[in-house]
Protein backbone atom coordinates (compact mmCIF):
# COMPACT_ATOMS: atom_id res chain seq x y z
CA MET A 1 89.69 121.24 130.57
CA GLY A 2 89.40 124.92 130.10
CA ALA A 3 91.25 126.97 127.88
CA ASP A 4 92.68 130.68 128.90
CA GLN A 5 90.71 133.44 126.73
CA THR A 6 93.68 135.45 125.49
CA SER A 7 95.95 132.98 124.62
CA GLY A 8 93.77 129.54 123.92
CA GLN A 9 96.60 127.90 125.55
CA SER A 10 95.17 125.02 128.16
CA THR A 11 94.76 125.48 131.78
CA THR A 12 95.06 121.98 132.63
CA SER A 13 97.66 121.20 134.70
CA HIS A 14 101.34 120.23 132.65
CA ASP A 15 100.63 116.69 134.04
CA ASN A 16 97.60 116.12 132.66
CA ASN A 17 97.55 117.71 129.20
CA PRO A 18 99.57 114.99 126.92
CA TRP A 19 100.45 117.95 124.13
CA ARG A 20 103.87 119.69 124.43
CA ALA A 21 105.10 122.70 123.00
CA ALA A 22 108.80 121.59 121.74
CA LEU A 23 109.60 117.79 120.19
CA PRO A 24 111.62 115.88 122.35
CA MET A 25 113.41 113.78 119.15
CA SER A 26 114.99 114.70 116.60
CA GLY A 27 115.91 113.07 113.52
CA ASN A 28 113.01 111.85 110.54
CA ALA A 29 110.17 112.16 113.12
CA ALA A 30 111.05 115.60 114.13
CA ASP A 31 111.69 116.58 110.62
CA TRP A 32 107.81 115.04 109.50
CA LEU A 33 106.08 116.35 112.28
CA GLY A 34 108.34 119.75 113.06
CA ASP A 35 107.50 120.90 109.77
CA PRO A 36 104.55 123.15 109.03
CA GLY A 37 104.89 122.65 105.11
CA LEU A 38 102.31 120.71 102.36
CA LEU A 39 102.30 117.62 104.18
CA THR A 40 100.40 115.82 101.54
CA ASP A 41 103.10 116.94 98.61
CA ASP A 42 106.12 115.48 101.15
CA VAL A 43 104.03 112.03 101.86
CA ARG A 44 103.99 111.46 97.74
CA ARG A 45 107.47 112.45 97.38
CA SER A 46 109.27 110.30 100.19
CA CYS A 47 106.72 107.22 99.79
CA THR A 48 106.62 104.56 96.59
CA GLY A 49 103.61 103.83 95.65
CA PRO A 50 99.81 104.98 94.97
CA LEU A 51 98.78 107.40 98.20
CA THR A 52 94.98 107.58 98.65
CA LEU A 53 92.72 109.98 100.64
CA ASP A 54 89.69 108.47 102.24
CA ILE A 55 86.87 110.21 103.82
CA ILE A 56 85.61 108.91 107.30
CA HIS A 57 83.47 111.30 107.96
CA ASP A 58 82.09 115.08 106.55
CA GLY A 59 79.76 117.06 107.73
CA ARG A 60 78.30 118.87 110.46
CA ALA A 61 78.42 117.67 113.86
CA LEU A 62 78.76 118.90 117.35
CA LEU A 63 82.22 119.40 118.31
CA PRO A 64 83.60 117.41 121.49
CA ASP A 65 84.09 119.14 124.26
CA ILE A 66 88.01 118.92 124.46
CA VAL A 67 87.89 120.51 120.57
CA THR A 68 85.36 123.29 121.94
CA ALA A 69 87.85 123.45 125.32
CA ALA A 70 91.41 123.54 122.39
CA LEU A 71 89.53 127.08 120.48
CA PRO A 72 91.12 130.67 121.19
CA GLY A 73 87.78 132.35 122.50
CA THR A 74 84.27 131.27 123.02
CA PHE A 75 82.85 129.95 119.72
CA SER A 76 79.72 127.85 118.95
CA ASN A 77 80.01 123.79 119.67
CA ALA A 78 77.96 123.39 116.53
CA GLY A 79 80.39 123.02 113.34
CA TRP A 80 81.83 120.92 110.70
CA HIS A 81 84.08 117.77 111.15
CA ARG A 82 86.26 115.74 109.00
CA GLU A 83 88.10 112.61 109.62
CA ILE A 84 90.36 111.03 106.35
CA SER A 85 92.99 108.50 106.26
CA MET A 86 95.93 108.69 104.07
CA ARG A 87 97.00 105.55 102.73
CA MET A 88 100.59 104.40 100.88
CA ASN A 89 99.72 100.62 98.64
CA GLY A 90 96.81 100.22 101.28
CA VAL A 91 98.38 100.95 104.54
CA LEU A 92 97.58 103.56 106.85
CA VAL A 93 100.22 106.69 107.12
CA VAL A 94 98.05 109.44 108.54
CA HIS A 95 94.89 109.68 110.07
CA ALA A 96 94.02 113.32 110.61
CA ARG A 97 90.29 114.99 111.87
CA THR A 98 89.53 118.55 111.56
CA PHE A 99 87.06 120.87 113.60
CA ALA A 100 85.63 124.14 112.52
CA PRO A 101 83.24 125.91 114.91
CA ARG A 102 79.95 127.26 113.05
CA GLU A 103 81.51 130.79 112.94
CA THR A 104 84.57 129.74 110.80
CA LEU A 105 82.25 127.13 108.82
CA ASP A 106 79.58 130.26 108.05
CA ALA A 107 82.69 132.68 106.83
CA HIS A 108 84.71 129.63 104.88
CA PRO A 109 81.59 127.80 103.48
CA TRP A 110 85.01 126.11 100.77
CA LEU A 111 85.70 123.74 104.26
CA GLU A 112 82.44 122.07 103.10
CA ALA A 113 83.33 121.26 100.00
CA LEU A 114 86.71 119.70 100.14
CA GLY A 115 86.04 116.49 99.28
CA THR A 116 89.12 114.16 98.62
CA ASN A 117 91.06 116.79 98.32
CA PRO A 118 94.13 117.75 100.85
CA LEU A 119 93.16 120.85 103.62
CA GLY A 120 96.82 122.27 103.55
CA HIS A 121 96.38 122.95 99.56
CA ALA A 122 92.87 124.64 99.96
CA LEU A 123 94.70 126.23 103.07
CA ALA A 124 97.62 127.38 100.83
CA LYS A 125 95.22 128.47 98.24
CA MET A 126 93.15 130.80 100.18
CA GLY A 127 96.01 132.39 101.44
CA ASP A 128 94.03 134.04 104.54
CA ALA A 129 94.55 131.27 107.17
CA ALA A 130 98.03 131.03 109.39
CA ARG A 131 98.93 128.47 111.36
CA VAL A 132 99.29 130.21 114.54
CA ASP A 133 100.19 126.85 117.17
CA MET A 134 101.62 123.32 116.79
CA GLN A 135 101.70 120.85 119.69
CA PHE A 136 102.76 117.54 119.54
CA CYS A 137 102.14 114.17 121.85
CA GLU A 138 102.41 110.24 121.29
CA SER A 139 99.59 108.98 119.64
CA SER A 140 99.61 106.24 122.22
CA VAL A 141 98.23 108.37 125.32
CA LEU A 142 95.45 110.18 123.31
CA GLN A 143 92.27 108.80 124.86
CA GLY A 144 88.39 109.09 124.54
CA GLU A 145 87.07 110.94 120.93
CA LEU A 146 90.66 112.24 119.90
CA ALA A 147 92.50 108.95 119.91
CA PRO A 148 93.85 107.28 116.80
CA PRO A 149 93.36 104.04 115.19
CA ALA A 150 95.24 102.07 116.89
CA THR A 151 97.84 101.44 113.66
CA CYS A 152 98.86 105.24 114.16
CA ASP A 153 101.71 104.30 116.54
CA GLY A 154 103.79 107.01 116.22
CA TRP A 155 103.13 110.86 117.10
CA SER A 156 100.63 112.95 117.13
CA ARG A 157 100.31 117.17 115.76
CA ARG A 158 97.62 119.27 117.07
CA SER A 159 97.21 122.62 114.54
CA LEU A 160 95.44 125.86 115.49
CA PHE A 161 94.80 127.59 112.11
CA GLN A 162 93.27 131.28 112.31
CA PHE A 163 91.58 133.17 109.65
CA ASP A 164 91.50 136.56 111.40
CA THR A 165 90.01 135.62 114.70
CA LEU A 166 88.07 132.40 113.07
CA PRO A 167 89.71 129.18 114.23
CA LEU A 168 90.37 125.82 112.59
CA LEU A 169 92.01 123.05 114.40
CA LEU A 170 93.38 119.85 113.02
CA PHE A 171 94.95 116.53 114.52
CA GLU A 172 97.25 114.72 112.55
CA HIS A 173 98.21 111.20 113.70
CA PHE A 174 101.39 109.85 111.94
CA THR A 175 101.93 105.99 111.79
CA THR A 176 105.65 104.68 112.50
CA ALA A 177 106.15 103.43 109.26
CA LEU A 178 105.94 107.18 107.87
CA LEU A 179 108.10 108.97 110.80
CA THR A 180 110.83 106.48 110.11
CA GLN A 181 110.83 107.71 106.40
CA ARG A 182 113.41 110.08 104.86
CA ARG A 183 111.60 113.20 103.82
CA ARG A 184 111.92 114.19 100.39
CA ARG A 185 111.17 118.06 99.39
CA GLN A 186 111.42 119.72 96.66
């Protein structure tokens, strides 16, 4: 799978690429997935019980080929990978993986110090990152290195953030339990 160097869009045929620019649904699930706002705040407001963010992996790593192919331009395959699970009352509601090539990490070392702090809050505080693309697919069709846990039975969202020209790629997998909740905003 390759990436067009000018647009960053996949050059894989549409039939082989599960990611879509538009959501094929409406209602609660579309409301959760289509909004580029702060997910963690909305989950806290919408769900009952304690919300925890657990780190599965956080550190420097080689980026999978499928990740580097999705980046706009040519970047190092060495970088940073963070994998978290968000649980409500001990039940998984969101599983996420964030990838940054070395060039992004060198310019933004604070990424490695996130710990259990939500990525969205840090990006909003920094103010210099923009979400430039969101794509969606059913979680069940993802395989290999980016496949979500089996309990993430809903939809997945792939977001590309950019700090000027430096990318950050985020994969979020949402459970049906969360997607059927009514979203409550401030």
